[in-house]
Amino acid sequence: MSALFIVFMKIGLVSFGGGYSVIALMEREAISRSWLAEGQFQELVSVAGTAPGPIATNAATLIGYDAAGIGGAIAATAGIVLPSLLIMILLASVCLRLFDKKLVKSSLYGLRAVVTGIIAYSALHFGFLSHRTSFFTWQTIATLMICAGALIGIVRFKLHPVMIVLASGLAGIVLF
C-alpha cells in the first residue's frame, strides 16, 4: 500500500492540465507494477469517467482497489489528492497573510469589475452576438424574458439558484 501511495503522490505532483493529462502515466505505472492487466486499464478509465468527480482521482481509487482492496483504494486516492491539497493550503495561507495589505485589497476590488465584464461579454456573445441574423428575433426576446425572470426571482423573491435554473430550463422547453 505504501508503494501505491508513493506512486500516486508522484503522479499527483505532475498532474497539471487536468486528470486526462496523467492517464497515460497512470497506465504505464499500473501495468509495469502488475497492479492491472494490459486490457484492464481501458475498462477502468471508462468506469472512472462515468463516475462523478475528477477522472484522475476516480482512476487512482479504482487502481488502488484492484491492487490492494479498500486499503489500496484509500492509499492511492490519498496519494493523488495530497499534493494538490498541500499546495492549496500553502497558497491559501499566503493569500490570507497578503489579503490585509491595501495594495492587494485594491487590486482584488479592481479585478471584480474585470471579471464581471468578462462574464457579461461572454453571456452576450454566447447568447446574442454570435448569431448572424437580426438581433430582435422571437428567440432573443424569449431569452431576455427568461433572463429578466431569473433576475427578478433571485433579487426580488430571493429564490434559490437551483430553483431558478430549473424554472429557466422549463421555460426554455416551453418557449423553444
N, C-alpha and C. Protein backbone atom coordinates (compact mmCIF):
# COMPACT_ATOMS: atom_id res chain seq x y z
N MET A 1 0.82 -1.20 0.00
CA MET A 1 0.00 0.00 0.00
C MET A 1 0.86 1.26 0.00
N SER A 2 2.02 1.21 0.61
CA SER A 2 2.89 2.38 0.60
C SER A 2 3.39 2.68 -0.81
N ALA A 3 3.59 1.62 -1.60
CA ALA A 3 4.01 1.83 -3.00
C ALA A 3 2.90 2.54 -3.77
N LEU A 4 1.65 2.16 -3.54
CA LEU A 4 0.52 2.84 -4.18
C LEU A 4 0.51 4.31 -3.81
N PHE A 5 0.66 4.58 -2.53
CA PHE A 5 0.64 5.98 -2.06
C PHE A 5 1.75 6.78 -2.72
N ILE A 6 2.97 6.26 -2.72
CA ILE A 6 4.12 6.99 -3.26
C ILE A 6 3.98 7.21 -4.76
N VAL A 7 3.60 6.18 -5.50
CA VAL A 7 3.45 6.32 -6.95
C VAL A 7 2.38 7.36 -7.28
N PHE A 8 1.24 7.28 -6.61
CA PHE A 8 0.17 8.22 -6.93
C PHE A 8 0.46 9.62 -6.41
N MET A 9 1.28 9.73 -5.37
CA MET A 9 1.69 11.06 -4.93
C MET A 9 2.60 11.70 -5.98
N LYS A 10 3.48 10.92 -6.58
CA LYS A 10 4.32 11.43 -7.67
C LYS A 10 3.46 11.86 -8.85
N ILE A 11 2.46 11.04 -9.18
CA ILE A 11 1.56 11.39 -10.28
C ILE A 11 0.79 12.66 -9.94
N GLY A 12 0.33 12.77 -8.69
CA GLY A 12 -0.39 13.97 -8.26
C GLY A 12 0.45 15.23 -8.34
N LEU A 13 1.76 15.08 -8.14
CA LEU A 13 2.65 16.25 -8.22
C LEU A 13 2.80 16.77 -9.64
N VAL A 14 2.65 15.90 -10.63
CA VAL A 14 2.85 16.32 -12.02
C VAL A 14 1.56 16.38 -12.82
N SER A 15 0.41 16.37 -12.14
CA SER A 15 -0.86 16.31 -12.87
C SER A 15 -1.38 17.69 -13.24
N PHE A 16 -0.57 18.47 -13.91
CA PHE A 16 -1.00 19.76 -14.40
C PHE A 16 -1.79 19.56 -15.68
N GLY A 17 -2.85 20.31 -15.84
CA GLY A 17 -3.65 20.22 -17.05
C GLY A 17 -4.85 19.31 -16.91
N GLY A 18 -5.12 18.85 -15.73
CA GLY A 18 -6.30 18.02 -15.51
C GLY A 18 -5.98 16.55 -15.50
N GLY A 19 -7.00 15.76 -15.15
CA GLY A 19 -6.83 14.33 -14.97
C GLY A 19 -6.46 13.59 -16.23
N TYR A 20 -6.97 14.03 -17.38
CA TYR A 20 -6.68 13.32 -18.63
C TYR A 20 -5.21 13.41 -19.00
N SER A 21 -4.52 14.41 -18.47
CA SER A 21 -3.11 14.57 -18.82
C SER A 21 -2.22 13.52 -18.17
N VAL A 22 -2.70 12.84 -17.13
CA VAL A 22 -1.88 11.83 -16.45
C VAL A 22 -2.37 10.40 -16.66
N ILE A 23 -3.37 10.22 -17.49
CA ILE A 23 -3.92 8.88 -17.72
C ILE A 23 -2.84 7.95 -18.28
N ALA A 24 -2.06 8.41 -19.24
CA ALA A 24 -1.02 7.56 -19.83
C ALA A 24 0.03 7.19 -18.79
N LEU A 25 0.40 8.14 -17.93
CA LEU A 25 1.36 7.86 -16.86
C LEU A 25 0.80 6.84 -15.88
N MET A 26 -0.47 6.99 -15.53
CA MET A 26 -1.12 6.02 -14.65
C MET A 26 -1.09 4.63 -15.26
N GLU A 27 -1.41 4.54 -16.54
CA GLU A 27 -1.43 3.24 -17.21
C GLU A 27 -0.05 2.60 -17.17
N ARG A 28 0.97 3.36 -17.50
CA ARG A 28 2.33 2.81 -17.51
C ARG A 28 2.73 2.32 -16.11
N GLU A 29 2.45 3.13 -15.10
CA GLU A 29 2.82 2.74 -13.73
C GLU A 29 2.04 1.53 -13.26
N ALA A 30 0.73 1.50 -13.51
CA ALA A 30 -0.11 0.40 -13.04
C ALA A 30 0.24 -0.91 -13.72
N ILE A 31 0.53 -0.87 -15.01
CA ILE A 31 0.85 -2.10 -15.74
C ILE A 31 2.27 -2.56 -15.42
N SER A 32 3.23 -1.62 -15.34
CA SER A 32 4.61 -2.02 -15.04
C SER A 32 4.76 -2.60 -13.64
N ARG A 33 3.89 -2.23 -12.73
CA ARG A 33 3.94 -2.76 -11.36
C ARG A 33 2.97 -3.94 -11.17
N SER A 34 2.34 -4.38 -12.26
CA SER A 34 1.40 -5.51 -12.27
C SER A 34 0.19 -5.27 -11.36
N TRP A 35 -0.22 -4.03 -11.23
CA TRP A 35 -1.44 -3.73 -10.47
C TRP A 35 -2.66 -4.01 -11.34
N LEU A 36 -2.47 -3.90 -12.67
CA LEU A 36 -3.55 -4.16 -13.63
C LEU A 36 -2.99 -4.96 -14.79
N ALA A 37 -3.88 -5.70 -15.46
CA ALA A 37 -3.51 -6.41 -16.69
C ALA A 37 -3.58 -5.43 -17.86
N GLU A 38 -3.01 -5.83 -18.99
CA GLU A 38 -2.93 -4.96 -20.17
C GLU A 38 -4.27 -4.32 -20.56
N GLY A 39 -5.29 -5.11 -20.81
CA GLY A 39 -6.55 -4.57 -21.30
C GLY A 39 -7.46 -4.02 -20.21
N GLN A 40 -7.10 -4.25 -18.98
CA GLN A 40 -7.95 -3.86 -17.85
C GLN A 40 -7.99 -2.34 -17.66
N PHE A 41 -6.92 -1.65 -18.04
CA PHE A 41 -6.85 -0.21 -17.78
C PHE A 41 -7.91 0.57 -18.56
N GLN A 42 -8.14 0.22 -19.81
CA GLN A 42 -9.15 0.93 -20.61
C GLN A 42 -10.53 0.80 -19.98
N GLU A 43 -10.86 -0.37 -19.49
CA GLU A 43 -12.15 -0.57 -18.82
C GLU A 43 -12.23 0.28 -17.57
N LEU A 44 -11.15 0.32 -16.82
CA LEU A 44 -11.10 1.08 -15.58
C LEU A 44 -11.30 2.57 -15.84
N VAL A 45 -10.65 3.09 -16.88
CA VAL A 45 -10.79 4.51 -17.21
C VAL A 45 -12.20 4.81 -17.68
N SER A 46 -12.82 3.88 -18.37
CA SER A 46 -14.22 4.08 -18.78
C SER A 46 -15.13 4.19 -17.58
N VAL A 47 -14.94 3.33 -16.60
CA VAL A 47 -15.74 3.40 -15.38
C VAL A 47 -15.42 4.68 -14.61
N ALA A 48 -14.14 5.05 -14.53
CA ALA A 48 -13.74 6.26 -13.81
C ALA A 48 -14.33 7.51 -14.46
N GLY A 49 -14.46 7.50 -15.78
CA GLY A 49 -15.03 8.65 -16.48
C GLY A 49 -16.52 8.81 -16.29
N THR A 50 -17.20 7.72 -16.00
CA THR A 50 -18.65 7.83 -15.80
C THR A 50 -19.02 8.17 -14.37
N ALA A 51 -18.11 7.99 -13.44
CA ALA A 51 -18.39 8.31 -12.04
C ALA A 51 -18.24 9.81 -11.82
N PRO A 52 -19.00 10.36 -10.87
CA PRO A 52 -18.85 11.79 -10.59
C PRO A 52 -17.49 12.08 -9.96
N GLY A 53 -16.94 13.22 -10.29
CA GLY A 53 -15.66 13.63 -9.73
C GLY A 53 -14.55 13.60 -10.77
N PRO A 54 -13.35 14.00 -10.35
CA PRO A 54 -12.22 14.05 -11.28
C PRO A 54 -11.81 12.65 -11.73
N ILE A 55 -11.52 12.52 -13.00
CA ILE A 55 -11.19 11.20 -13.55
C ILE A 55 -9.89 10.66 -12.98
N ALA A 56 -8.91 11.50 -12.71
CA ALA A 56 -7.64 11.02 -12.16
C ALA A 56 -7.84 10.43 -10.77
N THR A 57 -8.63 11.09 -9.96
CA THR A 57 -8.90 10.59 -8.61
C THR A 57 -9.70 9.29 -8.68
N ASN A 58 -10.70 9.26 -9.54
CA ASN A 58 -11.50 8.04 -9.69
C ASN A 58 -10.65 6.88 -10.19
N ALA A 59 -9.79 7.15 -11.17
CA ALA A 59 -8.93 6.09 -11.71
C ALA A 59 -7.95 5.60 -10.65
N ALA A 60 -7.37 6.52 -9.89
CA ALA A 60 -6.44 6.13 -8.82
C ALA A 60 -7.15 5.25 -7.80
N THR A 61 -8.36 5.63 -7.43
CA THR A 61 -9.13 4.85 -6.46
C THR A 61 -9.38 3.44 -6.99
N LEU A 62 -9.78 3.32 -8.25
CA LEU A 62 -10.07 2.01 -8.83
C LEU A 62 -8.80 1.16 -8.98
N ILE A 63 -7.70 1.78 -9.37
CA ILE A 63 -6.43 1.04 -9.48
C ILE A 63 -6.01 0.55 -8.10
N GLY A 64 -6.09 1.43 -7.11
CA GLY A 64 -5.74 1.04 -5.75
C GLY A 64 -6.61 -0.09 -5.23
N TYR A 65 -7.89 -0.02 -5.55
CA TYR A 65 -8.81 -1.08 -5.11
C TYR A 65 -8.47 -2.42 -5.77
N ASP A 66 -8.21 -2.37 -7.07
CA ASP A 66 -7.84 -3.61 -7.77
C ASP A 66 -6.53 -4.18 -7.25
N ALA A 67 -5.60 -3.31 -6.89
CA ALA A 67 -4.28 -3.76 -6.46
C ALA A 67 -4.27 -4.26 -5.02
N ALA A 68 -5.01 -3.59 -4.11
CA ALA A 68 -4.87 -3.95 -2.70
C ALA A 68 -6.16 -3.77 -1.90
N GLY A 69 -7.30 -3.79 -2.55
CA GLY A 69 -8.56 -3.70 -1.82
C GLY A 69 -8.84 -2.30 -1.30
N ILE A 70 -9.61 -2.23 -0.22
CA ILE A 70 -10.03 -0.93 0.34
C ILE A 70 -8.82 -0.10 0.78
N GLY A 71 -7.86 -0.74 1.43
CA GLY A 71 -6.65 -0.02 1.86
C GLY A 71 -5.90 0.57 0.69
N GLY A 72 -5.81 -0.18 -0.40
CA GLY A 72 -5.14 0.32 -1.60
C GLY A 72 -5.88 1.48 -2.23
N ALA A 73 -7.22 1.39 -2.21
CA ALA A 73 -8.02 2.50 -2.75
C ALA A 73 -7.80 3.76 -1.94
N ILE A 74 -7.75 3.63 -0.62
CA ILE A 74 -7.53 4.79 0.24
C ILE A 74 -6.12 5.35 0.02
N ALA A 75 -5.12 4.47 -0.06
CA ALA A 75 -3.74 4.91 -0.25
C ALA A 75 -3.56 5.63 -1.59
N ALA A 76 -4.09 5.06 -2.66
CA ALA A 76 -3.95 5.67 -3.98
C ALA A 76 -4.69 7.01 -4.06
N THR A 77 -5.88 7.06 -3.49
CA THR A 77 -6.65 8.30 -3.50
C THR A 77 -5.95 9.38 -2.69
N ALA A 78 -5.48 9.01 -1.52
CA ALA A 78 -4.75 9.99 -0.69
C ALA A 78 -3.49 10.46 -1.40
N GLY A 79 -2.80 9.56 -2.07
CA GLY A 79 -1.58 9.93 -2.77
C GLY A 79 -1.81 10.90 -3.90
N ILE A 80 -2.87 10.71 -4.66
CA ILE A 80 -3.09 11.61 -5.81
C ILE A 80 -3.67 12.95 -5.38
N VAL A 81 -4.40 12.97 -4.26
CA VAL A 81 -5.05 14.20 -3.80
C VAL A 81 -4.12 15.06 -2.93
N LEU A 82 -3.26 14.42 -2.17
CA LEU A 82 -2.44 15.12 -1.18
C LEU A 82 -1.58 16.25 -1.76
N PRO A 83 -0.87 16.08 -2.88
CA PRO A 83 -0.07 17.20 -3.38
C PRO A 83 -0.90 18.45 -3.69
N SER A 84 -2.04 18.28 -4.33
CA SER A 84 -2.90 19.44 -4.63
C SER A 84 -3.43 20.07 -3.36
N LEU A 85 -3.81 19.25 -2.41
CA LEU A 85 -4.32 19.75 -1.13
C LEU A 85 -3.26 20.58 -0.41
N LEU A 86 -2.04 20.07 -0.35
CA LEU A 86 -0.97 20.80 0.34
C LEU A 86 -0.63 22.11 -0.36
N ILE A 87 -0.61 22.08 -1.69
CA ILE A 87 -0.32 23.30 -2.44
C ILE A 87 -1.42 24.33 -2.21
N MET A 88 -2.68 23.90 -2.20
CA MET A 88 -3.80 24.83 -1.96
C MET A 88 -3.76 25.40 -0.55
N ILE A 89 -3.41 24.59 0.44
CA ILE A 89 -3.29 25.10 1.81
C ILE A 89 -2.18 26.12 1.90
N LEU A 90 -1.06 25.85 1.26
CA LEU A 90 0.06 26.79 1.26
C LEU A 90 -0.34 28.11 0.59
N LEU A 91 -0.95 28.02 -0.58
CA LEU A 91 -1.38 29.23 -1.28
C LEU A 91 -2.44 30.00 -0.49
N ALA A 92 -3.35 29.29 0.15
CA ALA A 92 -4.38 29.96 0.94
C ALA A 92 -3.76 30.69 2.12
N SER A 93 -2.77 30.09 2.77
CA SER A 93 -2.15 30.76 3.91
C SER A 93 -1.39 32.00 3.47
N VAL A 94 -0.74 31.93 2.31
CA VAL A 94 -0.05 33.10 1.78
C VAL A 94 -1.05 34.20 1.43
N CYS A 95 -2.15 33.79 0.78
CA CYS A 95 -3.17 34.77 0.39
C CYS A 95 -3.81 35.42 1.60
N LEU A 96 -4.05 34.65 2.66
CA LEU A 96 -4.66 35.22 3.87
C LEU A 96 -3.74 36.25 4.52
N ARG A 97 -2.45 36.00 4.46
CA ARG A 97 -1.50 36.97 5.02
C ARG A 97 -1.43 38.23 4.17
N LEU A 98 -1.54 38.07 2.87
CA LEU A 98 -1.44 39.22 1.98
C LEU A 98 -2.74 39.98 1.83
N PHE A 99 -3.88 39.34 2.16
CA PHE A 99 -5.18 39.94 1.91
C PHE A 99 -5.38 41.25 2.68
N ASP A 100 -4.74 41.41 3.82
CA ASP A 100 -4.90 42.63 4.60
C ASP A 100 -4.11 43.81 4.04
N LYS A 101 -3.24 43.56 3.12
CA LYS A 101 -2.45 44.64 2.51
C LYS A 101 -3.34 45.49 1.62
N LYS A 102 -3.21 46.80 1.72
CA LYS A 102 -4.06 47.72 0.95
C LYS A 102 -3.91 47.51 -0.56
N LEU A 103 -2.70 47.29 -1.01
CA LEU A 103 -2.47 47.09 -2.45
C LEU A 103 -3.20 45.85 -2.95
N VAL A 104 -3.16 44.76 -2.19
CA VAL A 104 -3.83 43.52 -2.59
C VAL A 104 -5.34 43.71 -2.59
N LYS A 105 -5.88 44.34 -1.53
CA LYS A 105 -7.32 44.59 -1.48
C LYS A 105 -7.78 45.44 -2.65
N SER A 106 -7.03 46.48 -2.95
CA SER A 106 -7.39 47.37 -4.06
C SER A 106 -7.37 46.64 -5.38
N SER A 107 -6.36 45.81 -5.59
CA SER A 107 -6.28 45.09 -6.86
C SER A 107 -7.41 44.07 -6.98
N LEU A 108 -7.78 43.43 -5.86
CA LEU A 108 -8.89 42.49 -5.92
C LEU A 108 -10.22 43.19 -6.21
N TYR A 109 -10.41 44.37 -5.66
CA TYR A 109 -11.62 45.13 -5.98
C TYR A 109 -11.63 45.51 -7.46
N GLY A 110 -10.48 45.86 -8.01
CA GLY A 110 -10.40 46.16 -9.43
C GLY A 110 -10.67 44.95 -10.29
N LEU A 111 -10.23 43.79 -9.84
CA LEU A 111 -10.45 42.56 -10.60
C LEU A 111 -11.92 42.17 -10.64
N ARG A 112 -12.67 42.54 -9.60
CA ARG A 112 -14.11 42.24 -9.61
C ARG A 112 -14.79 42.81 -10.85
N ALA A 113 -14.45 44.06 -11.15
CA ALA A 113 -15.07 44.71 -12.31
C ALA A 113 -14.66 44.02 -13.61
N VAL A 114 -13.42 43.63 -13.70
CA VAL A 114 -12.94 42.97 -14.91
C VAL A 114 -13.63 41.62 -15.08
N VAL A 115 -13.70 40.84 -14.01
CA VAL A 115 -14.34 39.52 -14.09
C VAL A 115 -15.81 39.67 -14.44
N THR A 116 -16.49 40.63 -13.83
CA THR A 116 -17.89 40.87 -14.15
C THR A 116 -18.06 41.25 -15.62
N GLY A 117 -17.18 42.10 -16.11
CA GLY A 117 -17.23 42.49 -17.52
C GLY A 117 -16.99 41.33 -18.46
N ILE A 118 -16.04 40.48 -18.13
CA ILE A 118 -15.75 39.32 -18.97
C ILE A 118 -16.92 38.35 -18.98
N ILE A 119 -17.52 38.13 -17.82
CA ILE A 119 -18.68 37.24 -17.76
C ILE A 119 -19.84 37.83 -18.55
N ALA A 120 -20.07 39.14 -18.41
CA ALA A 120 -21.15 39.79 -19.16
C ALA A 120 -20.90 39.69 -20.66
N TYR A 121 -19.66 39.94 -21.09
CA TYR A 121 -19.33 39.83 -22.50
C TYR A 121 -19.58 38.41 -23.01
N SER A 122 -19.12 37.42 -22.22
CA SER A 122 -19.30 36.02 -22.64
C SER A 122 -20.77 35.68 -22.77
N ALA A 123 -21.57 36.16 -21.82
CA ALA A 123 -23.01 35.88 -21.87
C ALA A 123 -23.64 36.53 -23.10
N LEU A 124 -23.28 37.78 -23.36
CA LEU A 124 -23.84 38.46 -24.53
C LEU A 124 -23.38 37.81 -25.83
N HIS A 125 -22.10 37.50 -25.90
CA HIS A 125 -21.57 36.91 -27.12
C HIS A 125 -22.17 35.52 -27.35
N PHE A 126 -22.23 34.73 -26.30
CA PHE A 126 -22.78 33.38 -26.44
C PHE A 126 -24.27 33.41 -26.71
N GLY A 127 -24.98 34.31 -26.04
CA GLY A 127 -26.43 34.32 -26.14
C GLY A 127 -26.99 35.09 -27.31
N PHE A 128 -26.31 36.16 -27.73
CA PHE A 128 -26.93 37.03 -28.73
C PHE A 128 -26.03 37.40 -29.91
N LEU A 129 -24.82 37.82 -29.63
CA LEU A 129 -24.00 38.42 -30.67
C LEU A 129 -23.40 37.42 -31.66
N SER A 130 -23.41 36.14 -31.32
CA SER A 130 -22.83 35.16 -32.23
C SER A 130 -23.77 34.79 -33.37
N HIS A 131 -25.03 35.20 -33.28
CA HIS A 131 -25.99 34.89 -34.35
C HIS A 131 -25.78 35.84 -35.53
N ARG A 132 -25.91 35.30 -36.71
CA ARG A 132 -25.71 36.09 -37.92
C ARG A 132 -26.99 36.82 -38.33
N THR A 133 -28.10 36.48 -37.71
CA THR A 133 -29.37 37.08 -38.09
C THR A 133 -29.60 38.35 -37.30
N SER A 134 -30.76 38.92 -37.46
CA SER A 134 -31.13 40.14 -36.76
C SER A 134 -31.13 39.91 -35.26
N PHE A 135 -30.82 40.96 -34.50
CA PHE A 135 -30.76 40.87 -33.04
C PHE A 135 -32.15 40.66 -32.45
N PHE A 136 -33.16 41.32 -33.00
CA PHE A 136 -34.51 41.23 -32.44
C PHE A 136 -35.32 40.15 -33.15
N THR A 137 -35.17 38.94 -32.68
CA THR A 137 -35.98 37.82 -33.15
C THR A 137 -36.82 37.35 -31.96
N TRP A 138 -37.75 36.46 -32.19
CA TRP A 138 -38.56 35.98 -31.08
C TRP A 138 -37.71 35.18 -30.10
N GLN A 139 -36.63 34.51 -30.58
CA GLN A 139 -35.74 33.78 -29.68
C GLN A 139 -35.00 34.74 -28.75
N THR A 140 -34.56 35.87 -29.28
CA THR A 140 -33.87 36.86 -28.45
C THR A 140 -34.80 37.42 -27.39
N ILE A 141 -36.01 37.74 -27.79
CA ILE A 141 -36.99 38.29 -26.85
C ILE A 141 -37.34 37.25 -25.78
N ALA A 142 -37.51 36.00 -26.17
CA ALA A 142 -37.79 34.94 -25.20
C ALA A 142 -36.63 34.75 -24.24
N THR A 143 -35.41 34.78 -24.76
CA THR A 143 -34.23 34.65 -23.91
C THR A 143 -34.13 35.80 -22.93
N LEU A 144 -34.39 37.01 -23.39
CA LEU A 144 -34.36 38.17 -22.49
C LEU A 144 -35.45 38.06 -21.42
N MET A 145 -36.60 37.51 -21.78
CA MET A 145 -37.67 37.32 -20.79
C MET A 145 -37.25 36.31 -19.72
N ILE A 146 -36.61 35.24 -20.15
CA ILE A 146 -36.12 34.24 -19.18
C ILE A 146 -35.06 34.87 -18.28
N CYS A 147 -34.14 35.64 -18.86
CA CYS A 147 -33.10 36.33 -18.07
C CYS A 147 -33.73 37.28 -17.06
N ALA A 148 -34.68 38.06 -17.50
CA ALA A 148 -35.36 39.00 -16.60
C ALA A 148 -36.10 38.27 -15.49
N GLY A 149 -36.78 37.19 -15.84
CA GLY A 149 -37.48 36.40 -14.82
C GLY A 149 -36.51 35.81 -13.81
N ALA A 150 -35.37 35.33 -14.28
CA ALA A 150 -34.36 34.77 -13.38
C ALA A 150 -33.81 35.85 -12.45
N LEU A 151 -33.51 37.01 -12.99
CA LEU A 151 -33.00 38.11 -12.18
C LEU A 151 -34.02 38.55 -11.14
N ILE A 152 -35.26 38.68 -11.53
CA ILE A 152 -36.32 39.07 -10.59
C ILE A 152 -36.50 37.99 -9.52
N GLY A 153 -36.46 36.73 -9.93
CA GLY A 153 -36.61 35.64 -8.97
C GLY A 153 -35.52 35.63 -7.92
N ILE A 154 -34.29 35.92 -8.34
CA ILE A 154 -33.17 35.92 -7.39
C ILE A 154 -33.16 37.18 -6.53
N VAL A 155 -33.30 38.35 -7.16
CA VAL A 155 -33.16 39.61 -6.43
C VAL A 155 -34.40 39.93 -5.61
N ARG A 156 -35.56 39.88 -6.22
CA ARG A 156 -36.79 40.32 -5.54
C ARG A 156 -37.36 39.27 -4.61
N PHE A 157 -37.44 38.02 -5.10
CA PHE A 157 -38.09 36.97 -4.32
C PHE A 157 -37.11 36.06 -3.58
N LYS A 158 -35.81 36.29 -3.76
CA LYS A 158 -34.77 35.54 -3.05
C LYS A 158 -34.90 34.02 -3.24
N LEU A 159 -35.25 33.60 -4.45
CA LEU A 159 -35.38 32.18 -4.75
C LEU A 159 -34.00 31.53 -4.81
N HIS A 160 -33.96 30.27 -4.50
CA HIS A 160 -32.71 29.51 -4.54
C HIS A 160 -32.24 29.38 -6.00
N PRO A 161 -30.94 29.50 -6.25
CA PRO A 161 -30.44 29.40 -7.63
C PRO A 161 -30.81 28.10 -8.34
N VAL A 162 -30.90 27.00 -7.60
CA VAL A 162 -31.29 25.73 -8.24
C VAL A 162 -32.72 25.85 -8.78
N MET A 163 -33.59 26.49 -8.01
CA MET A 163 -34.97 26.69 -8.47
C MET A 163 -34.99 27.57 -9.72
N ILE A 164 -34.15 28.58 -9.76
CA ILE A 164 -34.06 29.47 -10.92
C ILE A 164 -33.59 28.68 -12.15
N VAL A 165 -32.58 27.84 -11.98
CA VAL A 165 -32.07 27.05 -13.10
C VAL A 165 -33.15 26.10 -13.62
N LEU A 166 -33.83 25.43 -12.71
CA LEU A 166 -34.90 24.51 -13.12
C LEU A 166 -36.03 25.25 -13.83
N ALA A 167 -36.46 26.38 -13.26
CA ALA A 167 -37.54 27.16 -13.87
C ALA A 167 -37.11 27.70 -15.24
N SER A 168 -35.86 28.14 -15.36
CA SER A 168 -35.37 28.64 -16.64
C SER A 168 -35.32 27.52 -17.67
N GLY A 169 -34.91 26.34 -17.25
CA GLY A 169 -34.90 25.19 -18.16
C GLY A 169 -36.29 24.84 -18.64
N LEU A 170 -37.25 24.85 -17.73
CA LEU A 170 -38.63 24.58 -18.12
C LEU A 170 -39.16 25.64 -19.06
N ALA A 171 -38.84 26.91 -18.77
CA ALA A 171 -39.26 28.00 -19.65
C ALA A 171 -38.65 27.82 -21.04
N GLY A 172 -37.39 27.40 -21.09
CA GLY A 172 -36.75 27.15 -22.38
C GLY A 172 -37.42 26.03 -23.15
N ILE A 173 -37.83 24.98 -22.45
CA ILE A 173 -38.52 23.87 -23.10
C ILE A 173 -39.86 24.37 -23.68
N VAL A 174 -40.58 25.17 -22.92
CA VAL A 174 -41.89 25.67 -23.37
C VAL A 174 -41.72 26.65 -24.51
N LEU A 175 -40.78 27.59 -24.39
CA LEU A 175 -40.67 28.66 -25.40
C LEU A 175 -39.93 28.23 -26.66
N PHE A 176 -39.03 27.31 -26.55
CA PHE A 176 -38.24 26.95 -27.73
C PHE A 176 -38.60 25.58 -28.25
